[in-house]
Each structure stands twice: as structure tokens, then as C-alpha cells.
Amino acid sequence: MEKVPYWEIHLIHTQSGQDIVVHLHTPIELTESPDQPDSNRVSFHFVPGEQPDMLRLERLAGGGLLLVDGKVVLTDTPVRSGSSITVGALQYRCDFVSRGYLPPTPVIRANWHTMTGSVRDHNEDAIGIYMGDGICCFVLCDGVGGAEAGEFVSEFAVKSFLAMFHQHIDQPETDWLAVMEDGVKQINAGVREFAEEMSRKLGKSVQAGSTLVGVVIDEWNVNLVHVGDSRLYFWRSGVLRQTTADHSTFMDNIYARIMAGDQTAPVKRNVLVKGIGKDDTIEPDLMTFRLQPGDKIVMCSDGMSDKVELHEIAEAVTHRDLRDVPAFLANLGDQRASRDNVSVIFVEAGTQAVPQDWHPLAQERAFLGFNSGWRIALNSREAVGGGTSTRARNLLIGVALVVVIAIIGFLVLQGRGDGTAPIMAQPPATTAAPDEPTAPPTDTPTITPTPSDTPTPMPTLTPTNTPIPPTSTLVPTQTLRPKRFERLAADRAGLSKRTP
């Protein structure tokens, strides 16, 4: 595989010392005043030059004045380390800090955390992680609050997305944006069918849905798909930006208040205008961008983003270790009464593998890789009438076990209370041991003892008029009768003979 040229380019502001770090083919936009119209903006990027120590600056868009070493740039021009770049009144020094070649694929490290939170009784978020060889996939879904079966929909969406990725992971030259767009549309169709089935069963209109933000990182390219208000933030060289735009009425309200001059903090009354299950058709946002060494990605549900400010996320991403960032941000959102489930996925891109002596903890709503045993389907019986959810099913099993144990305990105590052996411990009926002689049948009830290592309580026999002394070998009862009893029996039968 062909190596990728790598240059780290620093644009250092000559007055403030601000350092902007870019790489080859990375678009950068500069403007003297952010409030001025686009005619004052300039965007450009750097591409390899004709000589080993030289790059070329290509102008991309904007009507502002752009100069390199005092010369106006209309299309492109060569740039060397130490060249000056001027945009309006802004002046920068261009330094080439390092150069070489990138490995064909980045080394991706990731960590994640999903939690129910301190207010909700169950987690309607779901996350998926699939780390392949040179390619990986991350997806986060938030079951729409207030809608029926949000936990089922988010889990279905995550598993379906991972299955889609698994199906195409070994196919060369995959158009991931097209694959992800088709995957989201299929997920949406499945959720709509599920909602219609639930509506028929409940006799009312049911809205079941979820947000979705997912990425496929293929070599150094990031392919992004997004619907709803779960977010993706992108960090580079100390600067964090929100890459996705929320599809919600809350953002529309914010823009309207800003235009009206209202600076008071709005109270969130969020309704999704685009999301999984919202309409029969769906057009997700699609985007692709290129990673550079050191870049970082944060994906999260609104349980975090609603309560943690952009600069706080940037501070955590910049200064905290990979193993700490997801749990820190999730707990920070929960501590500020987000009143929602909270999920965070954190991704780093590098060029060298770092020894790792830890692994993310197993989490109930985090699905890893792809499992052919997954049931990727939505069943309304699990949400309405004919079935139970996972947590409800676990609760019923627990209650049933408690009841069974209580019944067993009661029966054991009852058995011991009347002096007999416990009912559940009563031995089965036994027969005579094979080596012992068996008594012939008689009119008198007999008992044949069975040898045992543990003495078994013997039943109490009722005395009869003719007691039989205990013996290990029972003797026929006729041999025990006195002789006078034989004569008396014969006289009564008229068969006796007198004896002298």
C-alpha cells in the first residue's frame, strides 16, 4: 500500500503567538473579522510541492486578500518554511515542523462509558464498537425520551449498524457514505413498521424512535452519518469543534432568540425534527473528513452535551488520559442533573501503538463487534402486552426465586415442627436388599429392614394380640404356636383324636 506524505505545518500569528497546526490537504479558513461578510474570508490548503523542502499553497474560496511573502495569491504559489502569509491585516509565519510519511492506517485507541444516570430507572442509550484491522466503527443511539420502547429501538439501531459494517468490512473500495445512508434508511423502515404494529395493539398512535451518530474510520478517512441531537465533537491541536448539527426544535429556538436579541438562557424543550422513526422517509447528514496524528473524537448523547460546556469538554480531552475521559464527562453531566441517560465514546488517532494494560469494562448497553447470535429484529410483544423487557424479565425472575425459596423454607419448617423428617428430605421408598432373605407372605404385617449407613426413623407399629418378637430373619408364624392351640383348632374342626 502506498505511503501517505505527512507534513506538520504551523501558522504562527506574529502578534499574539497563536499557533494553528494543519497538515497536507487540510482546509483552513482565515478572516480578519468574523462578523464581516464572506468577501473578507479566505480558505486554502497545502499540497506537496515540486521540491523536497517545498509545499504549494492552493487558494480554495473566499474574496479576501491573500499574500505569500508579499505576493498576491489568486490560485496557488510555492511556500517554504519561514514564509509569511497575510490575510487582510492578519500576519502569520509558516513553519514546517516535521515531515515524512504516515503509515497506511492510523493506530486507533478508544474508550467508552454508558450509564443509566441518577434519575432514570433504565438506560435507553446504546453504543456499538467494532475494532477491525485498519478499519473500525463506532455508533451511538439515544432512544427518544417519552416514546414507547426507546431502549428496544436504540439497541436495534446499534446492532443493525454493526451488522451493516460487518457485512462490508472485507469489501475493498467500499463507498461507506452510501452504505451508511442505506443502512440508516433500512433501520428507519424497521422502526416505522414496529411503531405501526404497536399502534394497532395499543389502539393509539405510537411514536418509537432514536437518534444515531455513527462513524467508520477507514485508514485515515472518517465517514460520518448523523440524525437527531446526539453529537460528534472533533479535537485537533487544542481546538474542539462540534461537527454535527442538532436536528431539533431547541436549536431553531436558539437561533430565533439570537436574531431577536434575546440573550437569556433558553430552557430546553427539545423535539426532534429528524431522527430514526420520525417519518417514513429519512435523509441523514453525511460527511467525510481526514484524520491527522493526534486527532481526537468525542461522540455523546444529549445527557452529556446538555450539561457540559464546549470548553469543559475541550479541557478534559486535552489534559485527561484516554481511560478517564468518557467516565469523567458522563458523570459530570449526571452530577449536573441532566435527568437523562448519559453515553460517551472517545477515540484517539496516532501513528504508534501504545502498550495498554487495561481494557474498558463490560457494560450492559455497550455492544462489541458483531455476534451472529444477535436477534436483530423489533418485536412488539416485548414492549406491549405479550412480553417483557429485559429489566422487567429479570425482576420477575428474581421475584419468582424469592417466592420459591420462601415456600421451600416454610415446608421445611412445617416438617420439622411435627417431629417427622423434613418433607423435601424424605427418602424414597426402599425394597429389601438383594442379599437379605425375604420373608414369605403372611397374614401378619411384617417389616423387612434395609441396611443403611444412616439410620432411618422406623414407623411405630401398633401392638397386636399375638406379638412377634423382633428378629433379623423373620420365622413363619406357624412354628410359634403352642401345641394346645393346635388341638383346640382340630377339635373345633371335628378332626382331633384323643390322646392319653
Protein backbone atom coordinates (compact mmCIF):
# COMPACT_ATOMS: atom_id res chain seq x y z
CA MET A 1 0.00 0.00 0.00
CA GLU A 2 1.31 3.44 -0.92
CA LYS A 3 2.63 5.58 1.91
CA VAL A 4 0.92 8.89 2.64
CA PRO A 5 3.11 12.04 2.66
CA TYR A 6 2.99 13.71 6.05
CA TRP A 7 3.77 17.33 6.86
CA GLU A 8 3.05 19.18 10.09
CA ILE A 9 2.59 22.85 9.25
CA HIS A 10 2.41 25.60 11.89
CA LEU A 11 0.86 29.01 11.18
CA ILE A 12 2.06 31.27 14.00
CA HIS A 13 0.38 34.66 14.44
CA THR A 14 3.14 37.28 14.51
CA GLN A 15 1.47 39.39 17.21
CA SER A 16 -0.46 37.02 19.52
CA GLY A 17 1.71 33.95 19.03
CA GLN A 18 -1.37 31.79 18.37
CA ASP A 19 -0.27 28.52 16.75
CA ILE A 20 -2.55 26.89 14.17
CA VAL A 21 -1.46 23.37 13.22
CA VAL A 22 -2.53 21.86 9.90
CA HIS A 23 -1.47 19.00 7.65
CA LEU A 24 -1.47 18.36 3.93
CA HIS A 25 -4.87 18.74 2.23
CA THR A 26 -6.42 20.16 5.41
CA PRO A 27 -8.61 23.18 4.51
CA ILE A 28 -8.07 26.24 6.69
CA GLU A 29 -10.16 29.41 6.71
CA LEU A 30 -8.85 32.77 7.91
CA THR A 31 -10.68 36.08 8.23
CA GLU A 32 -9.73 39.44 9.65
CA SER A 33 -13.14 39.91 11.28
CA PRO A 34 -15.62 37.06 11.91
CA ASP A 35 -18.55 39.48 11.73
CA GLN A 36 -17.66 40.70 8.26
CA PRO A 37 -19.18 39.22 5.09
CA ASP A 38 -17.60 36.33 3.21
CA SER A 39 -15.76 38.74 0.92
CA ASN A 40 -13.19 39.18 3.74
CA ARG A 41 -12.65 35.43 4.25
CA VAL A 42 -10.01 33.25 2.61
CA SER A 43 -9.73 29.47 2.66
CA PHE A 44 -6.76 27.49 1.37
CA HIS A 45 -4.77 24.29 1.90
CA PHE A 46 -1.27 22.93 1.36
CA VAL A 47 -0.25 20.23 -1.14
CA PRO A 48 3.13 18.61 -1.89
CA GLY A 49 5.49 20.76 -3.93
CA GLU A 50 7.98 20.07 -6.69
CA GLN A 51 10.97 20.05 -4.34
CA PRO A 52 11.51 18.03 -1.14
CA ASP A 53 11.62 21.11 1.11
CA MET A 54 8.77 22.99 -0.56
CA LEU A 55 4.97 22.90 -0.49
CA ARG A 56 2.36 24.65 -2.59
CA LEU A 57 -0.44 26.78 -1.14
CA GLU A 58 -3.69 26.45 -3.14
CA ARG A 59 -6.44 29.01 -2.72
CA LEU A 60 -9.88 27.37 -2.35
CA ALA A 61 -12.53 30.06 -1.78
CA GLY A 62 -13.30 33.48 -0.35
CA GLY A 63 -12.88 37.03 -1.63
CA GLY A 64 -10.34 38.30 0.90
CA LEU A 65 -6.82 39.45 0.15
CA LEU A 66 -4.23 36.64 0.44
CA LEU A 67 -0.48 37.24 0.18
CA VAL A 68 2.52 34.89 0.48
CA ASP A 69 5.86 36.65 1.02
CA GLY A 70 4.19 39.89 -0.11
CA LYS A 71 2.79 38.47 -3.37
CA VAL A 72 -0.93 38.24 -4.05
CA VAL A 73 -2.18 34.68 -4.45
CA LEU A 74 -5.06 34.17 -6.86
CA THR A 75 -4.70 30.43 -7.49
CA ASP A 76 -1.57 28.83 -5.97
CA THR A 77 2.03 29.58 -5.07
CA PRO A 78 5.09 27.79 -3.62
CA VAL A 79 5.67 28.04 0.15
CA ARG A 80 8.81 27.31 2.17
CA SER A 81 9.35 27.02 5.90
CA GLY A 82 9.59 30.58 7.25
CA SER A 83 7.37 32.12 4.57
CA SER A 84 4.95 34.85 5.65
CA ILE A 85 1.23 34.54 4.96
CA THR A 86 -1.06 37.58 5.14
CA VAL A 87 -4.87 37.67 5.15
CA GLY A 88 -6.08 41.27 5.36
CA ALA A 89 -4.38 42.67 8.46
CA LEU A 90 -3.57 39.19 9.85
CA GLN A 91 0.04 38.09 9.50
CA TYR A 92 1.39 34.56 10.09
CA ARG A 93 4.74 32.84 9.88
CA CYS A 94 4.61 29.45 8.19
CA ASP A 95 6.91 26.82 9.77
CA PHE A 96 7.37 23.23 8.66
CA VAL A 97 7.95 21.39 11.93
CA SER A 98 8.13 17.80 10.70
CA ARG A 99 7.67 15.88 7.53
CA GLY A 100 7.84 12.34 6.28
CA TYR A 101 5.30 9.63 5.60
CA LEU A 102 2.30 8.41 7.52
CA PRO A 103 1.69 4.69 7.98
CA PRO A 104 -1.09 3.38 5.74
CA THR A 105 -3.51 3.25 8.68
CA PRO A 106 -3.66 5.11 11.99
CA VAL A 107 -3.43 3.42 15.35
CA ILE A 108 -6.90 3.88 16.84
CA ARG A 109 -7.38 3.80 20.61
CA ALA A 110 -10.84 4.11 22.12
CA ASN A 111 -12.73 4.08 25.39
CA TRP A 112 -16.41 4.46 26.21
CA HIS A 113 -18.93 4.76 29.02
CA THR A 114 -22.73 4.46 29.13
CA MET A 115 -24.81 4.88 32.27
CA THR A 116 -28.44 5.00 33.35
CA GLY A 117 -27.87 8.12 35.43
CA SER A 118 -29.16 9.04 38.85
CA VAL A 119 -32.76 9.83 37.80
CA ARG A 120 -33.92 7.33 35.17
CA ASP A 121 -34.71 3.72 36.13
CA HIS A 122 -33.28 2.20 32.94
CA ASN A 123 -30.89 3.06 30.12
CA GLU A 124 -32.38 3.86 26.70
CA ASP A 125 -28.94 4.71 25.24
CA ALA A 126 -26.95 2.10 23.35
CA ILE A 127 -23.43 2.18 21.92
CA GLY A 128 -21.55 -0.06 19.48
CA ILE A 129 -17.82 -0.57 18.97
CA TYR A 130 -16.19 -2.66 16.23
CA MET A 131 -12.38 -2.55 16.02
CA GLY A 132 -11.12 -4.17 12.81
CA ASP A 133 -7.71 -4.42 11.18
CA GLY A 134 -7.05 -0.93 9.81
CA ILE A 135 -10.75 -0.10 9.93
CA CYS A 136 -13.18 0.44 12.78
CA CYS A 137 -16.73 1.54 13.52
CA PHE A 138 -18.36 3.48 16.36
CA VAL A 139 -22.08 4.18 16.76
CA LEU A 140 -24.19 5.80 19.48
CA CYS A 141 -28.00 5.86 19.70
CA ASP A 142 -30.33 7.51 22.21
CA GLY A 143 -33.86 6.10 22.41
CA VAL A 144 -36.22 9.05 22.08
CA GLY A 145 -37.39 10.13 25.54
CA GLY A 146 -41.09 9.74 26.16
CA ALA A 147 -41.58 7.37 23.23
CA GLU A 148 -42.56 3.74 23.74
CA ALA A 149 -39.79 1.13 23.72
CA GLY A 150 -36.91 3.58 23.30
CA GLU A 151 -34.48 1.04 24.70
CA PHE A 152 -35.52 -1.56 22.12
CA VAL A 153 -35.20 0.89 19.23
CA SER A 154 -31.73 2.15 20.21
CA GLU A 155 -30.44 -1.41 20.69
CA PHE A 156 -31.93 -2.47 17.36
CA ALA A 157 -30.32 0.51 15.61
CA VAL A 158 -26.87 -0.15 17.11
CA LYS A 159 -26.90 -3.88 16.33
CA SER A 160 -28.16 -3.24 12.80
CA PHE A 161 -25.42 -0.66 12.21
CA LEU A 162 -22.73 -3.07 13.43
CA ALA A 163 -24.18 -5.83 11.24
CA MET A 164 -24.06 -3.50 8.24
CA PHE A 165 -20.40 -2.70 8.97
CA HIS A 166 -19.54 -6.38 9.44
CA GLN A 167 -21.13 -7.26 6.09
CA HIS A 168 -18.93 -4.78 4.18
CA ILE A 169 -15.73 -4.78 6.24
CA ASP A 170 -13.86 -7.10 3.86
CA GLN A 171 -15.07 -5.50 0.65
CA PRO A 172 -12.37 -3.35 -1.00
CA GLU A 173 -13.07 0.23 -2.07
CA THR A 174 -16.36 0.40 -0.15
CA ASP A 175 -18.32 3.62 -0.51
CA TRP A 176 -19.00 3.93 3.20
CA LEU A 177 -21.20 7.03 2.96
CA ALA A 178 -23.54 5.23 0.56
CA VAL A 179 -23.52 2.08 2.70
CA MET A 180 -24.26 4.01 5.91
CA GLU A 181 -27.01 6.06 4.29
CA ASP A 182 -28.72 2.90 3.06
CA GLY A 183 -28.23 1.28 6.47
CA VAL A 184 -29.90 4.17 8.30
CA LYS A 185 -32.83 4.08 5.87
CA GLN A 186 -33.31 0.35 6.48
CA ILE A 187 -33.17 0.89 10.25
CA ASN A 188 -35.76 3.65 9.94
CA ALA A 189 -38.07 1.39 7.92
CA GLY A 190 -37.83 -1.33 10.57
CA VAL A 191 -38.65 1.13 13.37
CA ARG A 192 -41.63 2.57 11.46
CA GLU A 193 -43.03 -0.92 10.95
CA PHE A 194 -42.53 -1.62 14.65
CA ALA A 195 -44.36 1.58 15.64
CA GLU A 196 -47.30 0.74 13.36
CA GLU A 197 -47.61 -2.72 14.90
CA MET A 198 -47.54 -1.25 18.39
CA SER A 199 -50.16 1.32 17.40
CA ARG A 200 -52.53 -1.46 16.29
CA LYS A 201 -52.03 -3.35 19.54
CA LEU A 202 -52.48 -0.31 21.78
CA GLY A 203 -55.25 1.30 19.76
CA LYS A 204 -53.46 4.66 19.67
CA SER A 205 -50.71 6.38 17.71
CA VAL A 206 -47.25 5.31 18.93
CA GLN A 207 -44.00 7.14 18.18
CA ALA A 208 -40.94 4.93 18.67
CA GLY A 209 -37.59 6.39 17.68
CA SER A 210 -33.92 7.07 18.33
CA THR A 211 -31.06 9.36 17.46
CA LEU A 212 -27.99 7.97 15.68
CA VAL A 213 -24.43 9.19 15.20
CA GLY A 214 -22.01 6.76 13.64
CA VAL A 215 -18.54 6.79 12.08
CA VAL A 216 -16.48 4.37 10.03
CA ILE A 217 -12.74 5.11 10.17
CA ASP A 218 -11.15 3.59 7.08
CA GLU A 219 -7.40 4.24 7.00
CA TRP A 220 -7.11 8.00 7.70
CA ASN A 221 -10.61 8.83 6.41
CA VAL A 222 -13.58 9.37 8.73
CA ASN A 223 -17.05 8.70 7.29
CA LEU A 224 -19.83 10.20 9.40
CA VAL A 225 -23.62 9.71 9.44
CA HIS A 226 -25.93 11.56 11.79
CA VAL A 227 -29.61 12.08 12.65
CA GLY A 228 -31.04 13.62 15.83
CA ASP A 229 -29.31 15.52 18.62
CA SER A 230 -26.59 13.09 19.68
CA ARG A 231 -23.31 14.77 18.80
CA LEU A 232 -19.80 14.32 17.45
CA TYR A 233 -17.03 16.71 18.52
CA PHE A 234 -13.68 16.87 16.74
CA TRP A 235 -10.47 17.91 18.51
CA ARG A 236 -7.26 18.97 16.75
CA SER A 237 -4.24 20.79 18.17
CA GLY A 238 -6.04 22.00 21.28
CA VAL A 239 -9.18 23.20 19.48
CA LEU A 240 -12.52 21.39 19.88
CA ARG A 241 -15.39 21.91 17.44
CA GLN A 242 -18.90 20.50 17.25
CA THR A 243 -19.00 18.71 13.90
CA THR A 244 -22.67 17.64 13.81
CA ALA A 245 -25.69 19.95 13.88
CA ASP A 246 -28.61 19.06 16.15
CA HIS A 247 -31.84 18.19 14.37
CA SER A 248 -34.15 19.64 17.00
CA THR A 249 -36.56 22.48 17.63
CA PHE A 250 -34.31 23.59 20.50
CA MET A 251 -31.63 24.76 18.09
CA ASP A 252 -34.24 26.53 15.97
CA ASN A 253 -35.44 28.36 19.11
CA ILE A 254 -31.88 29.39 19.98
CA TYR A 255 -31.30 30.88 16.52
CA ALA A 256 -34.64 32.74 16.69
CA ARG A 257 -33.80 34.21 20.13
CA ILE A 258 -30.36 35.32 18.97
CA MET A 259 -31.85 37.08 15.94
CA ALA A 260 -34.39 38.78 18.22
CA GLY A 261 -31.64 39.99 20.56
CA ASP A 262 -32.76 37.79 23.47
CA GLN A 263 -29.62 36.84 25.42
CA THR A 264 -31.34 34.96 28.28
CA ALA A 265 -30.51 31.29 28.65
CA PRO A 266 -33.22 29.23 26.97
CA VAL A 267 -34.96 26.38 28.75
CA LYS A 268 -34.63 23.24 26.70
CA ARG A 269 -37.90 21.99 25.26
CA ASN A 270 -36.44 19.61 22.75
CA VAL A 271 -38.39 17.96 19.94
CA LEU A 272 -36.51 16.15 17.21
CA VAL A 273 -37.23 17.32 13.68
CA LYS A 274 -35.20 14.45 12.22
CA GLY A 275 -34.49 11.07 13.75
CA ILE A 276 -34.88 7.31 13.42
CA GLY A 277 -38.61 6.52 13.31
CA LYS A 278 -39.73 10.15 12.92
CA ASP A 279 -41.07 9.79 9.36
CA ASP A 280 -41.44 7.14 6.70
CA THR A 281 -38.50 8.64 4.82
CA ILE A 282 -35.24 9.88 6.26
CA GLU A 283 -32.28 11.81 4.85
CA PRO A 284 -29.36 11.59 7.28
CA ASP A 285 -26.49 14.08 7.34
CA LEU A 286 -23.38 12.62 5.70
CA MET A 287 -19.82 13.89 5.95
CA THR A 288 -16.25 12.77 5.41
CA PHE A 289 -13.02 14.25 6.72
CA ARG A 290 -9.41 13.19 7.09
CA LEU A 291 -7.64 12.38 10.33
CA GLN A 292 -4.19 13.54 11.31
CA PRO A 293 -1.93 12.14 14.02
CA GLY A 294 -3.11 13.33 17.43
CA ASP A 295 -6.71 14.00 16.40
CA LYS A 296 -9.46 13.05 18.83
CA ILE A 297 -13.20 12.39 18.50
CA VAL A 298 -15.92 12.62 21.15
CA MET A 299 -19.36 11.12 20.49
CA CYS A 300 -22.09 11.62 23.09
CA SER A 301 -25.81 11.61 23.84
CA ASP A 302 -27.55 14.81 24.93
CA GLY A 303 -27.43 13.64 28.54
CA MET A 304 -23.84 14.90 28.48
CA SER A 305 -23.85 17.67 25.89
CA ASP A 306 -26.82 19.46 27.52
CA LYS A 307 -24.90 19.93 30.78
CA VAL A 308 -21.20 20.13 29.86
CA GLU A 309 -19.92 23.21 28.05
CA LEU A 310 -17.70 23.07 24.97
CA HIS A 311 -14.67 24.47 26.78
CA GLU A 312 -15.08 21.88 29.56
CA ILE A 313 -15.13 19.05 27.03
CA ALA A 314 -12.03 20.53 25.36
CA GLU A 315 -10.26 20.77 28.74
CA ALA A 316 -10.97 17.11 29.50
CA VAL A 317 -9.95 15.92 26.03
CA THR A 318 -6.73 17.96 26.10
CA HIS A 319 -5.45 17.10 29.56
CA ARG A 320 -7.04 13.82 30.68
CA ASP A 321 -5.94 10.31 29.87
CA LEU A 322 -7.90 8.13 27.45
CA ARG A 323 -9.07 5.84 30.26
CA ASP A 324 -10.56 8.77 32.23
CA VAL A 325 -12.30 10.95 29.63
CA PRO A 326 -15.58 9.05 28.96
CA ALA A 327 -16.48 8.34 32.61
CA PHE A 328 -15.44 11.85 33.68
CA LEU A 329 -17.65 13.58 31.10
CA ALA A 330 -20.58 11.20 31.68
CA ASN A 331 -20.50 11.65 35.45
CA LEU A 332 -20.08 15.41 35.10
CA GLY A 333 -23.28 15.59 33.07
CA ASP A 334 -25.13 13.35 35.53
CA GLN A 335 -23.97 15.39 38.56
CA ARG A 336 -25.49 18.47 36.97
CA ALA A 337 -28.94 16.88 36.97
CA SER A 338 -29.15 16.01 33.31
CA ARG A 339 -32.12 13.80 34.25
CA ASP A 340 -31.21 11.54 31.34
CA ASN A 341 -29.09 8.58 30.37
CA VAL A 342 -25.52 9.53 29.52
CA SER A 343 -23.18 7.91 26.96
CA VAL A 344 -19.73 8.94 25.72
CA ILE A 345 -17.34 7.38 23.17
CA PHE A 346 -13.79 8.76 22.99
CA VAL A 347 -11.39 8.00 20.09
CA GLU A 348 -7.73 8.90 19.53
CA ALA A 349 -5.72 8.59 16.30
CA GLY A 350 -1.96 8.05 16.41
CA THR A 351 0.94 6.58 14.46
CA GLN A 352 2.44 4.28 17.07
CA ALA A 353 0.84 1.59 19.21
CA VAL A 354 0.89 2.41 22.91
CA PRO A 355 1.17 -0.50 25.39
CA GLN A 356 -2.19 -0.89 27.07
CA ASP A 357 -2.51 -2.67 30.40
CA TRP A 358 -6.23 -2.04 30.77
CA HIS A 359 -9.44 -2.60 28.85
CA PRO A 360 -12.82 -0.85 29.02
CA LEU A 361 -15.16 -2.52 31.46
CA ALA A 362 -18.03 -4.63 30.15
CA GLN A 363 -21.23 -2.58 30.11
CA GLU A 364 -24.79 -3.78 29.66
CA ARG A 365 -25.71 -1.36 26.87
CA ALA A 366 -22.36 -1.47 25.05
CA PHE A 367 -22.25 -3.94 22.14
CA LEU A 368 -18.85 -5.02 20.84
CA GLY A 369 -18.02 -6.37 17.39
CA PHE A 370 -20.67 -8.48 15.76
CA ASN A 371 -22.40 -11.56 17.17
CA SER A 372 -24.19 -13.84 14.74
CA GLY A 373 -26.42 -14.91 17.62
CA TRP A 374 -27.92 -11.44 17.99
CA ARG A 375 -31.62 -11.26 17.26
CA ILE A 376 -31.67 -8.14 15.11
CA ALA A 377 -35.39 -7.52 14.98
CA LEU A 378 -38.03 -5.48 16.75
CA ASN A 379 -40.81 -7.46 18.42
CA SER A 380 -43.76 -5.50 19.75
CA ARG A 381 -44.58 -8.30 22.20
CA GLU A 382 -41.52 -7.29 24.22
CA ALA A 383 -42.91 -3.81 24.67
CA VAL A 384 -46.68 -4.26 24.63
CA GLY A 385 -48.77 -6.88 26.39
CA GLY A 386 -47.26 -10.09 25.10
CA GLY A 387 -43.80 -9.88 26.59
CA THR A 388 -41.50 -8.11 28.98
CA SER A 389 -38.39 -6.03 28.65
CA THR A 390 -35.02 -7.24 29.83
CA ARG A 391 -35.18 -5.42 33.15
CA ALA A 392 -38.78 -6.46 33.76
CA ARG A 393 -37.97 -10.05 32.90
CA ASN A 394 -35.04 -10.02 35.32
CA LEU A 395 -37.28 -8.55 38.01
CA LEU A 396 -39.92 -11.24 37.53
CA ILE A 397 -37.29 -13.98 37.70
CA GLY A 398 -35.95 -12.51 40.92
CA VAL A 399 -39.39 -12.34 42.48
CA ALA A 400 -40.14 -15.91 41.43
CA LEU A 401 -36.93 -17.16 43.02
CA VAL A 402 -37.76 -15.40 46.29
CA VAL A 403 -41.24 -16.98 46.33
CA VAL A 404 -39.87 -20.48 45.65
CA ILE A 405 -37.26 -20.14 48.39
CA ALA A 406 -39.93 -18.93 50.84
CA ILE A 407 -42.19 -21.89 50.03
CA ILE A 408 -39.34 -24.37 50.48
CA GLY A 409 -38.41 -22.79 53.80
CA PHE A 410 -42.00 -22.96 55.01
CA LEU A 411 -42.33 -26.64 54.08
CA VAL A 412 -39.03 -27.47 55.78
CA LEU A 413 -40.12 -25.75 58.99
CA GLN A 414 -43.50 -27.49 58.90
CA GLY A 415 -41.84 -30.89 58.53
CA ARG A 416 -39.53 -30.31 61.47
CA GLY A 417 -42.27 -28.89 63.67
CA ASP A 418 -44.27 -32.17 63.94
CA GLY A 419 -41.27 -34.39 64.73
CA THR A 420 -41.02 -36.02 61.32
CA ALA A 421 -38.31 -35.68 58.75
CA PRO A 422 -38.39 -32.57 56.54
CA ILE A 423 -40.69 -33.04 53.59
CA MET A 424 -38.12 -32.16 50.97
CA ALA A 425 -35.60 -34.50 52.60
CA GLN A 426 -37.86 -37.56 52.92
CA PRO A 427 -36.16 -40.61 51.38
CA PRO A 428 -37.85 -42.58 48.64
CA ALA A 429 -39.46 -45.96 49.35
CA THR A 430 -36.95 -48.80 49.53
CA THR A 431 -37.09 -52.51 48.88
CA ALA A 432 -35.30 -55.37 50.57
CA ALA A 433 -31.60 -55.57 50.00
CA PRO A 434 -30.77 -58.18 47.35
CA ASP A 435 -28.54 -60.23 49.70
CA GLU A 436 -31.13 -60.49 52.51
CA PRO A 437 -33.69 -63.36 52.63
CA THR A 438 -37.21 -62.24 52.01
CA ALA A 439 -39.99 -63.41 54.33
CA PRO A 440 -42.87 -65.31 52.73
CA PRO A 441 -46.19 -63.51 52.70
CA THR A 442 -48.29 -63.93 55.85
CA ASP A 443 -51.46 -62.55 57.29
CA THR A 444 -49.48 -60.60 59.86
CA PRO A 445 -47.94 -57.33 58.71
CA THR A 446 -44.17 -57.62 58.59
CA ILE A 447 -41.32 -55.21 58.03
CA THR A 448 -38.11 -56.09 56.26
CA PRO A 449 -35.37 -53.72 57.45
CA THR A 450 -32.94 -52.42 54.79
CA PRO A 451 -29.30 -51.88 55.79
CA SER A 452 -28.24 -48.22 55.55
CA ASP A 453 -25.26 -46.15 56.57
CA THR A 454 -27.60 -43.55 58.01
CA PRO A 455 -30.32 -44.84 60.37
CA THR A 456 -33.77 -44.16 59.01
CA PRO A 457 -36.57 -43.42 61.52
CA MET A 458 -38.79 -46.51 61.76
CA PRO A 459 -42.56 -46.19 61.94
CA THR A 460 -44.24 -47.14 65.23
CA LEU A 461 -46.05 -50.49 64.98
CA THR A 462 -49.45 -50.96 66.59
CA PRO A 463 -49.43 -53.92 69.10
CA THR A 464 -51.49 -56.97 68.12
CA ASN A 465 -52.98 -59.82 70.19
CA THR A 466 -50.14 -62.03 69.06
CA PRO A 467 -46.91 -60.04 69.41
CA ILE A 468 -44.00 -61.19 67.30
CA PRO A 469 -40.60 -60.75 68.84
CA PRO A 470 -38.18 -58.76 66.65
CA THR A 471 -35.74 -60.85 64.71
CA SER A 472 -33.35 -60.16 61.89
CA THR A 473 -34.75 -63.15 59.98
CA LEU A 474 -38.48 -63.48 60.15
CA VAL A 475 -39.76 -67.01 61.02
CA PRO A 476 -43.09 -68.30 59.72
CA THR A 477 -45.73 -67.70 62.41
CA GLN A 478 -47.00 -71.36 62.46
CA THR A 479 -43.86 -72.61 64.25
CA LEU A 480 -44.51 -70.24 67.13
CA ARG A 481 -47.96 -71.65 68.13
CA PRO A 482 -48.14 -73.84 71.31
CA LYS A 483 -49.33 -77.45 70.83
CA ARG A 484 -52.59 -76.93 72.76
CA PHE A 485 -53.65 -74.34 70.27
CA GLU A 486 -53.29 -76.97 67.55
CA ARG A 487 -55.58 -79.47 69.42
CA LEU A 488 -58.18 -76.78 70.08
CA ALA A 489 -58.27 -75.90 66.45
CA ALA A 490 -58.62 -79.56 65.48
CA ASP A 491 -61.48 -80.19 67.97
CA ARG A 492 -63.40 -77.28 66.53
CA ALA A 493 -62.96 -78.76 63.12
CA GLY A 494 -64.10 -82.22 64.37
CA LEU A 495 -60.90 -83.83 63.28
CA SER A 496 -58.96 -84.30 66.57
CA LYS A 497 -58.14 -87.68 68.19
CA ARG A 498 -57.95 -88.04 71.92
CA THR A 499 -54.58 -88.66 73.27
CA PRO A 500 -53.80 -90.43 76.53
